[in-house]
Amino acid sequence: MRVLGIDPGLTRCGVGVVEGLPGRPCTMVAYHVVQTDPGEELPLRLLRLDQELTRLVAEHEPASVAVERVFSQHNVRTVMGTAQASAIAVLAGARVGLPVQTYTPSEVKAAITGSGQADKAQMTSMVTRLLRLDAPPRPADAADALALAICHIWRGGTRSKLAAAADRVRQGGTR
């Protein structure tokens, strides 16, 4: 399964593409960082982000998209920009009919390091090790996006199976 992970950000948006199967080592396909100029008007920044994410989805042809869920931060301006970038990221997958799953930072950290409290250095180190890379992906936004993709491969399959089973039960089926 090929997953495109997105660590949303308005100034820097990390994108990581990983292939793998649950319980198996994953392989990095690519990573990118989409940047927008903080001096530009918001609509132009969102448009650039939309165009680049749309292009990357088309280029890498993932089976699904994993996006970091926005969490409350102290700086309202920062969280607003991240939330807007997150919406663009979700839209990039949904627009072409891909399943899109969101994960909290703690879920991703727990999946990658075993601790929901891991710091950026621990995350980058584990992503480098798990993907058997010669050097850590830089900047940290890229490593975070790769971690999201790995998390989805390892946890998303289970989530999808549980959701499908729940749908069958709601529809009166037992299979």
C-alpha atoms as a PDB file:
ATOM      1  CA  MET A   1       0.000   0.000   0.000  1.00  0.00           C
ATOM      2  CA  ARG A   2       1.286   3.460  -0.895  1.00  0.00           C
ATOM      3  CA  VAL A   3       0.399   6.273   1.515  1.00  0.00           C
ATOM      4  CA  LEU A   4       0.949   9.988   1.170  1.00  0.00           C
ATOM      5  CA  GLY A   5       1.457  11.545   4.609  1.00  0.00           C
ATOM      6  CA  ILE A   6       0.941  15.270   5.095  1.00  0.00           C
ATOM      7  CA  ASP A   7       2.195  17.351   8.017  1.00  0.00           C
ATOM      8  CA  PRO A   8       0.128  20.486   7.366  1.00  0.00           C
ATOM      9  CA  GLY A   9       1.603  23.919   7.671  1.00  0.00           C
ATOM     10  CA  LEU A  10       0.992  27.169   5.884  1.00  0.00           C
ATOM     11  CA  THR A  11       4.640  28.212   5.608  1.00  0.00           C
ATOM     12  CA  ARG A  12       6.108  24.676   5.388  1.00  0.00           C
ATOM     13  CA  CYS A  13       3.943  21.651   4.624  1.00  0.00           C
ATOM     14  CA  GLY A  14       5.716  18.294   4.826  1.00  0.00           C
ATOM     15  CA  VAL A  15       4.743  15.544   2.406  1.00  0.00           C
ATOM     16  CA  GLY A  16       6.056  11.982   2.679  1.00  0.00           C
ATOM     17  CA  VAL A  17       5.307   9.004   0.465  1.00  0.00           C
ATOM     18  CA  VAL A  18       5.807   5.526   1.905  1.00  0.00           C
ATOM     19  CA  GLU A  19       4.988   2.011   0.735  1.00  0.00           C
ATOM     20  CA  GLY A  20       4.438  -0.943   3.017  1.00  0.00           C
ATOM     21  CA  LEU A  21       2.130  -3.397   4.699  1.00  0.00           C
ATOM     22  CA  PRO A  22       1.052  -3.666   8.339  1.00  0.00           C
ATOM     23  CA  GLY A  23       3.677  -5.500  10.372  1.00  0.00           C
ATOM     24  CA  ARG A  24       6.303  -5.210   7.637  1.00  0.00           C
ATOM     25  CA  PRO A  25       9.173  -2.775   7.099  1.00  0.00           C
ATOM     26  CA  CYS A  26       8.167   0.267   5.045  1.00  0.00           C
ATOM     27  CA  THR A  27      10.036   1.878   2.172  1.00  0.00           C
ATOM     28  CA  MET A  28      10.324   5.576   1.506  1.00  0.00           C
ATOM     29  CA  VAL A  29       9.296   6.584  -2.012  1.00  0.00           C
ATOM     30  CA  ALA A  30       9.848  10.342  -1.705  1.00  0.00           C
ATOM     31  CA  TYR A  31       9.454  13.375   0.479  1.00  0.00           C
ATOM     32  CA  HIS A  32       8.812  17.027  -0.238  1.00  0.00           C
ATOM     33  CA  VAL A  33       8.284  20.269   1.605  1.00  0.00           C
ATOM     34  CA  VAL A  34       5.811  22.689   0.050  1.00  0.00           C
ATOM     35  CA  GLN A  35       6.635  26.246   1.056  1.00  0.00           C
ATOM     36  CA  THR A  36       4.607  29.407   0.812  1.00  0.00           C
ATOM     37  CA  ASP A  37       5.790  32.972   1.323  1.00  0.00           C
ATOM     38  CA  PRO A  38       4.480  34.461   4.592  1.00  0.00           C
ATOM     39  CA  GLY A  39       4.526  37.855   2.849  1.00  0.00           C
ATOM     40  CA  GLU A  40       1.921  36.764   0.285  1.00  0.00           C
ATOM     41  CA  GLU A  41      -1.812  37.146   0.742  1.00  0.00           C
ATOM     42  CA  LEU A  42      -3.544  34.183   2.395  1.00  0.00           C
ATOM     43  CA  PRO A  43      -5.652  33.200  -0.649  1.00  0.00           C
ATOM     44  CA  LEU A  44      -2.531  32.943  -2.820  1.00  0.00           C
ATOM     45  CA  ARG A  45      -0.724  30.854  -0.201  1.00  0.00           C
ATOM     46  CA  LEU A  46      -3.670  28.455   0.095  1.00  0.00           C
ATOM     47  CA  LEU A  47      -3.933  28.248  -3.691  1.00  0.00           C
ATOM     48  CA  ARG A  48      -0.225  27.380  -4.006  1.00  0.00           C
ATOM     49  CA  LEU A  49      -0.568  24.719  -1.312  1.00  0.00           C
ATOM     50  CA  ASP A  50      -3.631  23.276  -3.054  1.00  0.00           C
ATOM     51  CA  GLN A  51      -1.890  23.200  -6.437  1.00  0.00           C
ATOM     52  CA  GLU A  52       1.241  21.530  -5.072  1.00  0.00           C
ATOM     53  CA  LEU A  53      -0.604  18.918  -2.993  1.00  0.00           C
ATOM     54  CA  THR A  54      -2.875  18.133  -5.950  1.00  0.00           C
ATOM     55  CA  ARG A  55       0.219  17.712  -8.131  1.00  0.00           C
ATOM     56  CA  LEU A  56       1.931  15.445  -5.593  1.00  0.00           C
ATOM     57  CA  VAL A  57      -1.155  13.234  -5.195  1.00  0.00           C
ATOM     58  CA  ALA A  58      -1.317  12.860  -8.996  1.00  0.00           C
ATOM     59  CA  GLU A  59       2.444  12.228  -9.262  1.00  0.00           C
ATOM     60  CA  HIS A  60       2.708   9.599  -6.517  1.00  0.00           C
ATOM     61  CA  GLU A  61      -0.703   7.913  -6.943  1.00  0.00           C
ATOM     62  CA  PRO A  62      -1.188   6.892  -3.290  1.00  0.00           C
ATOM     63  CA  ALA A  63      -3.870   4.445  -2.164  1.00  0.00           C
ATOM     64  CA  SER A  64      -4.703   6.748   0.754  1.00  0.00           C
ATOM     65  CA  VAL A  65      -3.741   9.983   2.466  1.00  0.00           C
ATOM     66  CA  ALA A  66      -2.829  10.483   6.144  1.00  0.00           C
ATOM     67  CA  VAL A  67      -2.979  13.996   7.609  1.00  0.00           C
ATOM     68  CA  GLU A  68      -1.905  15.206  11.027  1.00  0.00           C
ATOM     69  CA  ARG A  69      -4.961  16.336  12.979  1.00  0.00           C
ATOM     70  CA  VAL A  70      -4.738  19.938  14.113  1.00  0.00           C
ATOM     71  CA  PHE A  71      -4.517  20.345  17.860  1.00  0.00           C
ATOM     72  CA  SER A  72      -4.948  23.410  20.033  1.00  0.00           C
ATOM     73  CA  GLN A  73      -1.915  25.604  20.350  1.00  0.00           C
ATOM     74  CA  HIS A  74      -1.293  28.731  22.379  1.00  0.00           C
ATOM     75  CA  ASN A  75      -0.822  30.943  19.329  1.00  0.00           C
ATOM     76  CA  VAL A  76      -4.235  31.341  17.638  1.00  0.00           C
ATOM     77  CA  ARG A  77      -2.675  32.714  14.422  1.00  0.00           C
ATOM     78  CA  THR A  78      -0.457  29.624  14.114  1.00  0.00           C
ATOM     79  CA  VAL A  79      -3.289  27.179  14.723  1.00  0.00           C
ATOM     80  CA  MET A  80      -5.522  28.995  12.200  1.00  0.00           C
ATOM     81  CA  GLY A  81      -2.895  28.695   9.455  1.00  0.00           C
ATOM     82  CA  THR A  82      -2.298  25.045  10.317  1.00  0.00           C
ATOM     83  CA  ALA A  83      -6.035  24.351  10.288  1.00  0.00           C
ATOM     84  CA  GLN A  84      -6.405  25.994   6.886  1.00  0.00           C
ATOM     85  CA  ALA A  85      -3.471  23.985   5.515  1.00  0.00           C
ATOM     86  CA  SER A  86      -4.976  20.835   7.018  1.00  0.00           C
ATOM     87  CA  ALA A  87      -8.255  21.443   5.204  1.00  0.00           C
ATOM     88  CA  ILE A  88      -6.371  21.830   1.913  1.00  0.00           C
ATOM     89  CA  ALA A  89      -4.510  18.563   2.644  1.00  0.00           C
ATOM     90  CA  VAL A  90      -7.719  16.644   3.354  1.00  0.00           C
ATOM     91  CA  LEU A  91      -9.283  18.103   0.215  1.00  0.00           C
ATOM     92  CA  ALA A  92      -6.313  17.009  -1.944  1.00  0.00           C
ATOM     93  CA  GLY A  93      -7.066  13.365  -1.182  1.00  0.00           C
ATOM     94  CA  ALA A  94     -10.862  13.611  -1.072  1.00  0.00           C
ATOM     95  CA  ARG A  95     -10.994  15.420  -4.421  1.00  0.00           C
ATOM     96  CA  VAL A  96      -9.702  12.301  -6.208  1.00  0.00           C
ATOM     97  CA  GLY A  97     -11.725   9.856  -4.122  1.00  0.00           C
ATOM     98  CA  LEU A  98      -8.925   8.628  -1.864  1.00  0.00           C
ATOM     99  CA  PRO A  99      -9.580   7.592   1.715  1.00  0.00           C
ATOM    100  CA  VAL A 100      -8.217  10.267   4.054  1.00  0.00           C
ATOM    101  CA  GLN A 101      -7.444   9.540   7.697  1.00  0.00           C
ATOM    102  CA  THR A 102      -6.303  12.015  10.344  1.00  0.00           C
ATOM    103  CA  TYR A 103      -4.044  11.193  13.280  1.00  0.00           C
ATOM    104  CA  THR A 104      -3.168  13.195  16.368  1.00  0.00           C
ATOM    105  CA  PRO A 105       0.495  13.936  17.010  1.00  0.00           C
ATOM    106  CA  SER A 106       0.367  11.585  20.026  1.00  0.00           C
ATOM    107  CA  GLU A 107      -0.996   8.714  17.910  1.00  0.00           C
ATOM    108  CA  VAL A 108       1.808   9.143  15.399  1.00  0.00           C
ATOM    109  CA  LYS A 109       4.475   9.398  18.092  1.00  0.00           C
ATOM    110  CA  ALA A 110       3.163   6.266  19.815  1.00  0.00           C
ATOM    111  CA  ALA A 111       3.090   4.321  16.536  1.00  0.00           C
ATOM    112  CA  ILE A 112       6.626   5.324  15.578  1.00  0.00           C
ATOM    113  CA  THR A 113       8.486   5.413  18.906  1.00  0.00           C
ATOM    114  CA  GLY A 114       6.222   3.581  21.327  1.00  0.00           C
ATOM    115  CA  SER A 115       5.722   6.784  23.323  1.00  0.00           C
ATOM    116  CA  GLY A 116       3.124   9.457  22.680  1.00  0.00           C
ATOM    117  CA  GLN A 117       5.489  11.941  24.327  1.00  0.00           C
ATOM    118  CA  ALA A 118       8.463  11.534  21.956  1.00  0.00           C
ATOM    119  CA  ASP A 119      10.274  14.697  20.893  1.00  0.00           C
ATOM    120  CA  LYS A 120      11.207  15.781  17.358  1.00  0.00           C
ATOM    121  CA  ALA A 121      14.718  14.325  17.585  1.00  0.00           C
ATOM    122  CA  GLN A 122      13.394  10.910  18.665  1.00  0.00           C
ATOM    123  CA  MET A 123      10.808  10.946  15.874  1.00  0.00           C
ATOM    124  CA  THR A 124      13.359  11.847  13.214  1.00  0.00           C
ATOM    125  CA  SER A 125      15.763   9.195  14.492  1.00  0.00           C
ATOM    126  CA  MET A 126      13.093   6.476  14.427  1.00  0.00           C
ATOM    127  CA  VAL A 127      11.819   7.470  10.973  1.00  0.00           C
ATOM    128  CA  THR A 128      15.407   7.313   9.693  1.00  0.00           C
ATOM    129  CA  ARG A 129      15.872   3.881  11.255  1.00  0.00           C
ATOM    130  CA  LEU A 130      12.470   2.450  10.245  1.00  0.00           C
ATOM    131  CA  LEU A 131      12.892   3.507   6.611  1.00  0.00           C
ATOM    132  CA  ARG A 132      16.558   2.447   6.602  1.00  0.00           C
ATOM    133  CA  LEU A 133      17.713   5.863   5.361  1.00  0.00           C
ATOM    134  CA  ASP A 134      21.348   6.933   5.144  1.00  0.00           C
ATOM    135  CA  ALA A 135      20.547  10.372   6.547  1.00  0.00           C
ATOM    136  CA  PRO A 136      17.642  11.902   8.452  1.00  0.00           C
ATOM    137  CA  PRO A 137      15.003  13.564   6.284  1.00  0.00           C
ATOM    138  CA  ARG A 138      15.234  17.338   6.575  1.00  0.00           C
ATOM    139  CA  PRO A 139      13.537  19.527   7.577  1.00  0.00           C
ATOM    140  CA  ALA A 140      11.559  18.020  10.459  1.00  0.00           C
ATOM    141  CA  ASP A 141       8.311  18.631   8.534  1.00  0.00           C
ATOM    142  CA  ALA A 142       9.410  15.971   6.029  1.00  0.00           C
ATOM    143  CA  ALA A 143      10.235  13.475   8.793  1.00  0.00           C
ATOM    144  CA  ASP A 144       6.835  14.144  10.393  1.00  0.00           C
ATOM    145  CA  ALA A 145       5.063  13.530   7.081  1.00  0.00           C
ATOM    146  CA  LEU A 146       6.917  10.227   6.609  1.00  0.00           C
ATOM    147  CA  ALA A 147       5.961   9.263  10.178  1.00  0.00           C
ATOM    148  CA  LEU A 148       2.295   9.932   9.374  1.00  0.00           C
ATOM    149  CA  ALA A 149       2.486   7.649   6.343  1.00  0.00           C
ATOM    150  CA  ILE A 150       4.145   4.866   8.380  1.00  0.00           C
ATOM    151  CA  CYS A 151       1.556   5.288  11.150  1.00  0.00           C
ATOM    152  CA  HIS A 152      -1.254   4.949   8.626  1.00  0.00           C
ATOM    153  CA  ILE A 153       0.210   1.810   7.088  1.00  0.00           C
ATOM    154  CA  TRP A 154       0.650   0.207  10.483  1.00  0.00           C
ATOM    155  CA  ARG A 155      -2.567   1.443  12.124  1.00  0.00           C
ATOM    156  CA  GLY A 156      -4.793   2.452   9.236  1.00  0.00           C
ATOM    157  CA  GLY A 157      -5.341  -1.092   8.049  1.00  0.00           C
ATOM    158  CA  THR A 158      -6.717  -2.053  11.442  1.00  0.00           C
ATOM    159  CA  ARG A 159      -8.886   1.075  11.580  1.00  0.00           C
ATOM    160  CA  SER A 160     -10.284   0.330   8.113  1.00  0.00           C
ATOM    161  CA  LYS A 161     -11.131  -3.259   9.044  1.00  0.00           C
ATOM    162  CA  LEU A 162     -12.870  -2.150  12.241  1.00  0.00           C
ATOM    163  CA  ALA A 163     -14.850   0.509  10.369  1.00  0.00           C
ATOM    164  CA  ALA A 164     -15.884  -2.001   7.682  1.00  0.00           C
ATOM    165  CA  ALA A 165     -16.986  -4.502  10.355  1.00  0.00           C
ATOM    166  CA  ALA A 166     -18.995  -1.793  12.138  1.00  0.00           C
ATOM    167  CA  ASP A 167     -20.660  -0.851   8.826  1.00  0.00           C
ATOM    168  CA  ARG A 168     -21.641  -4.484   8.227  1.00  0.00           C
ATOM    169  CA  VAL A 169     -23.155  -4.725  11.704  1.00  0.00           C
ATOM    170  CA  ARG A 170     -25.112  -1.485  11.181  1.00  0.00           C
ATOM    171  CA  GLN A 171     -26.440  -2.856   7.884  1.00  0.00           C
ATOM    172  CA  GLY A 172     -27.553  -6.075   9.562  1.00  0.00           C
ATOM    173  CA  GLY A 173     -24.817  -8.302   8.114  1.00  0.00           C
ATOM    174  CA  THR A 174     -22.542 -10.590  10.050  1.00  0.00           C
ATOM    175  CA  ARG A 175     -19.710 -11.157   7.575  1.00  0.00           C
END
